[in-house]
């Protein structure tokens, strides 16, 4: 028994609607993941900045200590 054109049209519309819902779900998931990646990148950037800042502070402290020792040596030589 052949399908009627109206039934075929309704079936096609249902398939199209399901595909749209799937596409919307896929896009939503992709946007969520993209936002997660951006947040992870920001977090990684903050951690790297803090690491570099700590390293710079340690280097400055070492240089200050070396300078103090050098000045102490010069003062004691005087």
PDB file of N, CA and C in Angstrom:
ATOM      1  N   UNK A   1       0.854  -1.178   0.000  1.00  0.00           N
ATOM      2  CA  UNK A   1       0.000   0.000   0.000  1.00  0.00           C
ATOM      3  C   UNK A   1       0.899   1.240   0.000  1.00  0.00           C
ATOM      4  N   UNK A   2       0.864   2.067  -1.047  1.00  0.00           N
ATOM      5  CA  UNK A   2       1.732   3.233  -1.156  1.00  0.00           C
ATOM      6  C   UNK A   2       1.352   4.317  -0.144  1.00  0.00           C
ATOM      7  N   UNK A   3       2.382   5.084   0.284  1.00  0.00           N
ATOM      8  CA  UNK A   3       2.167   6.179   1.228  1.00  0.00           C
ATOM      9  C   UNK A   3       1.552   7.352   0.506  1.00  0.00           C
ATOM     10  N   UNK A   4       0.781   8.094   1.231  1.00  0.00           N
ATOM     11  CA  UNK A   4       0.184   9.276   0.625  1.00  0.00           C
ATOM     12  C   UNK A   4       1.206  10.407   0.628  1.00  0.00           C
ATOM     13  N   UNK A   5       1.088  11.362  -0.304  1.00  0.00           N
ATOM     14  CA  UNK A   5       2.016  12.499  -0.330  1.00  0.00           C
ATOM     15  C   UNK A   5       1.996  13.284   0.986  1.00  0.00           C
ATOM     16  N   UNK A   6       0.844  13.400   1.606  1.00  0.00           N
ATOM     17  CA  UNK A   6       0.741  14.147   2.865  1.00  0.00           C
ATOM     18  C   UNK A   6       1.522  13.432   3.962  1.00  0.00           C
ATOM     19  N   UNK A   7       1.428  12.100   3.973  1.00  0.00           N
ATOM     20  CA  UNK A   7       2.143  11.326   4.984  1.00  0.00           C
ATOM     21  C   UNK A   7       3.655  11.425   4.757  1.00  0.00           C
ATOM     22  N   UNK A   8       4.073  11.372   3.505  1.00  0.00           N
ATOM     23  CA  UNK A   8       5.496  11.482   3.170  1.00  0.00           C
ATOM     24  C   UNK A   8       6.024  12.855   3.556  1.00  0.00           C
ATOM     25  N   UNK A   9       5.228  13.891   3.313  1.00  0.00           N
ATOM     26  CA  UNK A   9       5.627  15.257   3.663  1.00  0.00           C
ATOM     27  C   UNK A   9       5.756  15.387   5.179  1.00  0.00           C
ATOM     28  N   UNK A  10       4.806  14.849   5.909  1.00  0.00           N
ATOM     29  CA  UNK A  10       4.842  14.916   7.371  1.00  0.00           C
ATOM     30  C   UNK A  10       6.061  14.165   7.900  1.00  0.00           C
ATOM     31  N   UNK A  11       6.343  13.006   7.296  1.00  0.00           N
ATOM     32  CA  UNK A  11       7.504  12.221   7.702  1.00  0.00           C
ATOM     33  C   UNK A  11       8.797  12.996   7.444  1.00  0.00           C
ATOM     34  N   UNK A  12       8.871  13.612   6.275  1.00  0.00           N
ATOM     35  CA  UNK A  12      10.054  14.392   5.916  1.00  0.00           C
ATOM     36  C   UNK A  12      10.231  15.566   6.872  1.00  0.00           C
ATOM     37  N   UNK A  13       9.129  16.222   7.219  1.00  0.00           N
ATOM     38  CA  UNK A  13       9.205  17.351   8.152  1.00  0.00           C
ATOM     39  C   UNK A  13       9.671  16.886   9.529  1.00  0.00           C
ATOM     40  N   UNK A  14       9.212  15.710   9.943  1.00  0.00           N
ATOM     41  CA  UNK A  14       9.655  15.156  11.221  1.00  0.00           C
ATOM     42  C   UNK A  14      11.146  14.861  11.212  1.00  0.00           C
ATOM     43  N   UNK A  15      11.619  14.298  10.116  1.00  0.00           N
ATOM     44  CA  UNK A  15      13.050  13.992   9.986  1.00  0.00           C
ATOM     45  C   UNK A  15      13.864  15.280  10.010  1.00  0.00           C
ATOM     46  N   UNK A  16      13.391  16.294   9.285  1.00  0.00           N
ATOM     47  CA  UNK A  16      14.085  17.589   9.250  1.00  0.00           C
ATOM     48  C   UNK A  16      14.110  18.209  10.645  1.00  0.00           C
ATOM     49  N   UNK A  17      13.009  18.134  11.381  1.00  0.00           N
ATOM     50  CA  UNK A  17      12.950  18.703  12.725  1.00  0.00           C
ATOM     51  C   UNK A  17      13.920  17.976  13.659  1.00  0.00           C
ATOM     52  N   UNK A  18      13.969  16.646  13.552  1.00  0.00           N
ATOM     53  CA  UNK A  18      14.918  15.882  14.363  1.00  0.00           C
ATOM     54  C   UNK A  18      16.356  16.289  14.038  1.00  0.00           C
ATOM     55  N   UNK A  19      16.645  16.459  12.758  1.00  0.00           N
ATOM     56  CA  UNK A  19      17.993  16.859  12.346  1.00  0.00           C
ATOM     57  C   UNK A  19      18.339  18.236  12.892  1.00  0.00           C
ATOM     58  N   UNK A  20      17.377  19.144  12.879  1.00  0.00           N
ATOM     59  CA  UNK A  20      17.604  20.490  13.425  1.00  0.00           C
ATOM     60  C   UNK A  20      17.904  20.420  14.922  1.00  0.00           C
ATOM     61  N   UNK A  21      17.134  19.581  15.630  1.00  0.00           N
ATOM     62  CA  UNK A  21      17.359  19.436  17.071  1.00  0.00           C
ATOM     63  C   UNK A  21      18.753  18.867  17.341  1.00  0.00           C
ATOM     64  N   UNK A  22      19.149  17.879  16.540  1.00  0.00           N
ATOM     65  CA  UNK A  22      20.485  17.305  16.701  1.00  0.00           C
ATOM     66  C   UNK A  22      21.554  18.349  16.412  1.00  0.00           C
ATOM     67  N   UNK A  23      21.362  19.108  15.351  1.00  0.00           N
ATOM     68  CA  UNK A  23      22.346  20.132  14.992  1.00  0.00           C
ATOM     69  C   UNK A  23      22.457  21.173  16.101  1.00  0.00           C
ATOM     70  N   UNK A  24      21.327  21.562  16.668  1.00  0.00           N
ATOM     71  CA  UNK A  24      21.334  22.533  17.762  1.00  0.00           C
ATOM     72  C   UNK A  24      22.078  21.970  18.965  1.00  0.00           C
ATOM     73  N   UNK A  25      21.835  20.703  19.269  1.00  0.00           N
ATOM     74  CA  UNK A  25      22.539  20.060  20.381  1.00  0.00           C
ATOM     75  C   UNK A  25      24.034  20.009  20.143  1.00  0.00           C
ATOM     76  N   UNK A  26      24.440  19.684  18.921  1.00  0.00           N
ATOM     77  CA  UNK A  26      25.863  19.623  18.575  1.00  0.00           C
ATOM     78  C   UNK A  26      26.495  21.006  18.697  1.00  0.00           C
ATOM     79  N   UNK A  27      25.797  22.031  18.197  1.00  0.00           N
ATOM     80  CA  UNK A  27      26.323  23.400  18.300  1.00  0.00           C
ATOM     81  C   UNK A  27      26.441  23.845  19.749  1.00  0.00           C
ATOM     82  N   UNK A  28      25.432  23.523  20.562  1.00  0.00           N
ATOM     83  CA  UNK A  28      25.487  23.888  21.980  1.00  0.00           C
ATOM     84  C   UNK A  28      26.680  23.223  22.665  1.00  0.00           C
ATOM     85  N   UNK A  29      26.886  21.941  22.365  1.00  0.00           N
ATOM     86  CA  UNK A  29      28.019  21.220  22.955  1.00  0.00           C
ATOM     87  C   UNK A  29      29.343  21.835  22.500  1.00  0.00           C
ATOM     88  N   UNK A  30      29.425  22.199  21.237  1.00  0.00           N
ATOM     89  CA  UNK A  30      30.651  22.799  20.709  1.00  0.00           C
ATOM     90  C   UNK A  30      30.925  24.150  21.371  1.00  0.00           C
ATOM     91  N   UNK A  31      29.876  24.949  21.553  1.00  0.00           N
ATOM     92  CA  UNK A  31      30.049  26.245  22.222  1.00  0.00           C
ATOM     93  C   UNK A  31      30.491  26.055  23.670  1.00  0.00           C
ATOM     94  N   UNK A  32      29.890  25.086  24.343  1.00  0.00           N
ATOM     95  CA  UNK A  32      30.280  24.817  25.735  1.00  0.00           C
ATOM     96  C   UNK A  32      31.742  24.414  25.813  1.00  0.00           C
ATOM     97  N   UNK A  33      32.157  23.530  24.917  1.00  0.00           N
ATOM     98  CA  UNK A  33      33.554  23.076  24.926  1.00  0.00           C
ATOM     99  C   UNK A  33      34.494  24.229  24.598  1.00  0.00           C
ATOM    100  N   UNK A  34      34.092  25.060  23.641  1.00  0.00           N
ATOM    101  CA  UNK A  34      34.922  26.216  23.292  1.00  0.00           C
ATOM    102  C   UNK A  34      35.093  27.131  24.508  1.00  0.00           C
ATOM    103  N   UNK A  35      34.013  27.347  25.242  1.00  0.00           N
ATOM    104  CA  UNK A  35      34.094  28.183  26.447  1.00  0.00           C
ATOM    105  C   UNK A  35      34.996  27.551  27.496  1.00  0.00           C
ATOM    106  N   UNK A  36      34.928  26.211  27.631  1.00  0.00           N
ATOM    107  CA  UNK A  36      35.813  25.517  28.569  1.00  0.00           C
ATOM    108  C   UNK A  36      37.271  25.696  28.167  1.00  0.00           C
ATOM    109  N   UNK A  37      37.541  25.580  26.877  1.00  0.00           N
ATOM    110  CA  UNK A  37      38.917  25.718  26.380  1.00  0.00           C
ATOM    111  C   UNK A  37      39.444  27.118  26.653  1.00  0.00           C
ATOM    112  N   UNK A  38      38.601  28.122  26.425  1.00  0.00           N
ATOM    113  CA  UNK A  38      39.004  29.508  26.689  1.00  0.00           C
ATOM    114  C   UNK A  38      39.294  29.690  28.182  1.00  0.00           C
ATOM    115  N   UNK A  39      38.419  29.142  29.026  1.00  0.00           N
ATOM    116  CA  UNK A  39      38.620  29.270  30.472  1.00  0.00           C
ATOM    117  C   UNK A  39      39.908  28.565  30.902  1.00  0.00           C
ATOM    118  N   UNK A  40      40.161  27.379  30.341  1.00  0.00           N
ATOM    119  CA  UNK A  40      41.397  26.658  30.662  1.00  0.00           C
ATOM    120  C   UNK A  40      42.622  27.459  30.219  1.00  0.00           C
ATOM    121  N   UNK A  41      42.516  28.068  29.038  1.00  0.00           N
ATOM    122  CA  UNK A  41      43.631  28.878  28.539  1.00  0.00           C
ATOM    123  C   UNK A  41      43.913  30.063  29.444  1.00  0.00           C
ATOM    124  N   UNK A  42      42.842  30.701  29.906  1.00  0.00           N
ATOM    125  CA  UNK A  42      43.024  31.835  30.820  1.00  0.00           C
ATOM    126  C   UNK A  42      43.670  31.370  32.114  1.00  0.00           C
ATOM    127  N   UNK A  43      43.186  30.262  32.630  1.00  0.00           N
ATOM    128  CA  UNK A  43      43.736  29.726  33.877  1.00  0.00           C
ATOM    129  C   UNK A  43      45.211  29.369  33.709  1.00  0.00           C
ATOM    130  N   UNK A  44      45.533  28.721  32.589  1.00  0.00           N
ATOM    131  CA  UNK A  44      46.932  28.370  32.323  1.00  0.00           C
ATOM    132  C   UNK A  44      47.788  29.622  32.197  1.00  0.00           C
ATOM    133  N   UNK A  45      47.241  30.649  31.559  1.00  0.00           N
ATOM    134  CA  UNK A  45      47.974  31.907  31.403  1.00  0.00           C
ATOM    135  C   UNK A  45      48.252  32.561  32.745  1.00  0.00           C
ATOM    136  N   UNK A  46      47.257  32.543  33.622  1.00  0.00           N
ATOM    137  CA  UNK A  46      47.427  33.126  34.959  1.00  0.00           C
ATOM    138  C   UNK A  46      48.497  32.350  35.727  1.00  0.00           C
ATOM    139  N   UNK A  47      48.436  31.020  35.648  1.00  0.00           N
ATOM    140  CA  UNK A  47      49.434  30.198  36.350  1.00  0.00           C
ATOM    141  C   UNK A  47      50.843  30.471  35.822  1.00  0.00           C
ATOM    142  N   UNK A  48      50.973  30.585  34.508  1.00  0.00           N
ATOM    143  CA  UNK A  48      52.290  30.846  33.917  1.00  0.00           C
ATOM    144  C   UNK A  48      52.788  32.227  34.329  1.00  0.00           C
ATOM    145  N   UNK A  49      51.899  33.217  34.333  1.00  0.00           N
ATOM    146  CA  UNK A  49      52.287  34.566  34.747  1.00  0.00           C
ATOM    147  C   UNK A  49      52.779  34.543  36.193  1.00  0.00           C
ATOM    148  N   UNK A  50      52.049  33.833  37.060  1.00  0.00           N
ATOM    149  CA  UNK A  50      52.443  33.750  38.471  1.00  0.00           C
ATOM    150  C   UNK A  50      53.790  33.043  38.612  1.00  0.00           C
ATOM    151  N   UNK A  51      54.018  32.006  37.825  1.00  0.00           N
ATOM    152  CA  UNK A  51      55.291  31.286  37.872  1.00  0.00           C
ATOM    153  C   UNK A  51      56.438  32.201  37.459  1.00  0.00           C
ATOM    154  N   UNK A  52      56.235  32.946  36.365  1.00  0.00           N
ATOM    155  CA  UNK A  52      57.279  33.859  35.888  1.00  0.00           C
ATOM    156  C   UNK A  52      57.515  34.982  36.888  1.00  0.00           C
ATOM    157  N   UNK A  53      56.469  35.469  37.498  1.00  0.00           N
ATOM    158  CA  UNK A  53      56.595  36.536  38.486  1.00  0.00           C
ATOM    159  C   UNK A  53      57.389  36.040  39.704  1.00  0.00           C
ATOM    160  N   UNK A  54      57.091  34.833  40.155  1.00  0.00           N
ATOM    161  CA  UNK A  54      57.817  34.266  41.291  1.00  0.00           C
ATOM    162  C   UNK A  54      59.296  34.077  40.945  1.00  0.00           C
ATOM    163  N   UNK A  55      59.568  33.623  39.727  1.00  0.00           N
ATOM    164  CA  UNK A  55      60.954  33.430  39.297  1.00  0.00           C
ATOM    165  C   UNK A  55      61.685  34.777  39.239  1.00  0.00           C
ATOM    166  N   UNK A  56      61.001  35.797  38.734  1.00  0.00           N
ATOM    167  CA  UNK A  56      61.614  37.129  38.655  1.00  0.00           C
ATOM    168  C   UNK A  56      61.886  37.685  40.050  1.00  0.00           C
ATOM    169  N   UNK A  57      60.938  37.491  40.969  1.00  0.00           N
ATOM    170  CA  UNK A  57      61.146  37.967  42.338  1.00  0.00           C
ATOM    171  C   UNK A  57      62.332  37.260  42.988  1.00  0.00           C
ATOM    172  N   UNK A  58      62.428  35.954  42.759  1.00  0.00           N
ATOM    173  CA  UNK A  58      63.553  35.197  43.328  1.00  0.00           C
ATOM    174  C   UNK A  58      64.873  35.696  42.749  1.00  0.00           C
ATOM    175  N   UNK A  59      64.885  35.971  41.465  1.00  0.00           N
ATOM    176  CA  UNK A  59      66.109  36.471  40.825  1.00  0.00           C
ATOM    177  C   UNK A  59      66.482  37.844  41.371  1.00  0.00           C
ATOM    178  N   UNK A  60      65.491  38.689  41.563  1.00  0.00           N
ATOM    179  CA  UNK A  60      65.743  40.025  42.125  1.00  0.00           C
ATOM    180  C   UNK A  60      66.298  39.903  43.540  1.00  0.00           C
ATOM    181  N   UNK A  61      65.709  39.007  44.319  1.00  0.00           N
ATOM    182  CA  UNK A  61      66.181  38.796  45.689  1.00  0.00           C
ATOM    183  C   UNK A  61      67.626  38.303  45.699  1.00  0.00           C
ATOM    184  N   UNK A  62      67.959  37.372  44.815  1.00  0.00           N
ATOM    185  CA  UNK A  62      69.332  36.872  44.733  1.00  0.00           C
ATOM    186  C   UNK A  62      70.302  37.984  44.356  1.00  0.00           C
ATOM    187  N   UNK A  63      69.901  38.793  43.403  1.00  0.00           N
ATOM    188  CA  UNK A  63      70.764  39.897  42.960  1.00  0.00           C
ATOM    189  C   UNK A  63      70.946  40.906  44.089  1.00  0.00           C
ATOM    190  N   UNK A  64      69.873  41.179  44.838  1.00  0.00           N
ATOM    191  CA  UNK A  64      69.970  42.104  45.965  1.00  0.00           C
ATOM    192  C   UNK A  64      70.925  41.550  47.022  1.00  0.00           C
ATOM    193  N   UNK A  65      70.828  40.257  47.284  1.00  0.00           N
ATOM    194  CA  UNK A  65      71.738  39.634  48.256  1.00  0.00           C
ATOM    195  C   UNK A  65      73.190  39.705  47.784  1.00  0.00           C
ATOM    196  N   UNK A  66      73.424  39.434  46.507  1.00  0.00           N
ATOM    197  CA  UNK A  66      74.789  39.531  45.964  1.00  0.00           C
ATOM    198  C   UNK A  66      75.317  40.956  46.102  1.00  0.00           C
ATOM    199  N   UNK A  67      74.474  41.930  45.816  1.00  0.00           N
ATOM    200  CA  UNK A  67      74.886  43.335  45.906  1.00  0.00           C
ATOM    201  C   UNK A  67      75.206  43.700  47.351  1.00  0.00           C
ATOM    202  N   UNK A  68      74.371  43.254  48.305  1.00  0.00           N
ATOM    203  CA  UNK A  68      74.629  43.520  49.722  1.00  0.00           C
ATOM    204  C   UNK A  68      75.975  42.938  50.146  1.00  0.00           C
ATOM    205  N   UNK A  69      76.229  41.692  49.743  1.00  0.00           N
ATOM    206  CA  UNK A  69      77.493  41.040  50.094  1.00  0.00           C
ATOM    207  C   UNK A  69      78.674  41.790  49.484  1.00  0.00           C
ATOM    208  N   UNK A  70      78.510  42.234  48.258  1.00  0.00           N
ATOM    209  CA  UNK A  70      79.578  42.986  47.599  1.00  0.00           C
ATOM    210  C   UNK A  70      79.831  44.297  48.335  1.00  0.00           C
ATOM    211  N   UNK A  71      78.755  44.967  48.723  1.00  0.00           N
ATOM    212  CA  UNK A  71      78.923  46.229  49.469  1.00  0.00           C
ATOM    213  C   UNK A  71      79.555  45.989  50.824  1.00  0.00           C
ATOM    214  N   UNK A  72      79.167  44.901  51.502  1.00  0.00           N
ATOM    215  CA  UNK A  72      79.788  44.581  52.790  1.00  0.00           C
ATOM    216  C   UNK A  72      81.289  44.367  52.619  1.00  0.00           C
ATOM    217  N   UNK A  73      81.655  43.680  51.579  1.00  0.00           N
ATOM    218  CA  UNK A  73      83.082  43.460  51.304  1.00  0.00           C
ATOM    219  C   UNK A  73      83.810  44.761  51.059  1.00  0.00           C
ATOM    220  N   UNK A  74      83.188  45.670  50.303  1.00  0.00           N
ATOM    221  CA  UNK A  74      83.821  46.952  50.010  1.00  0.00           C
ATOM    222  C   UNK A  74      83.933  47.808  51.270  1.00  0.00           C
ATOM    223  N   UNK A  75      82.879  47.785  52.109  1.00  0.00           N
ATOM    224  CA  UNK A  75      82.896  48.570  53.340  1.00  0.00           C
ATOM    225  C   UNK A  75      83.964  48.025  54.297  1.00  0.00           C
ATOM    226  N   UNK A  76      84.063  46.728  54.403  1.00  0.00           N
ATOM    227  CA  UNK A  76      85.057  46.165  55.319  1.00  0.00           C
ATOM    228  C   UNK A  76      86.479  46.407  54.794  1.00  0.00           C
ATOM    229  N   UNK A  77      86.637  46.593  53.511  1.00  0.00           N
ATOM    230  CA  UNK A  77      87.959  46.875  52.939  1.00  0.00           C
ATOM    231  C   UNK A  77      88.362  48.311  53.214  1.00  0.00           C
ATOM    232  N   UNK A  78      87.415  49.155  53.451  1.00  0.00           N
ATOM    233  CA  UNK A  78      87.706  50.578  53.670  1.00  0.00           C
ATOM    234  C   UNK A  78      88.234  50.837  55.029  1.00  0.00           C
TER     235      UNK A  78
END
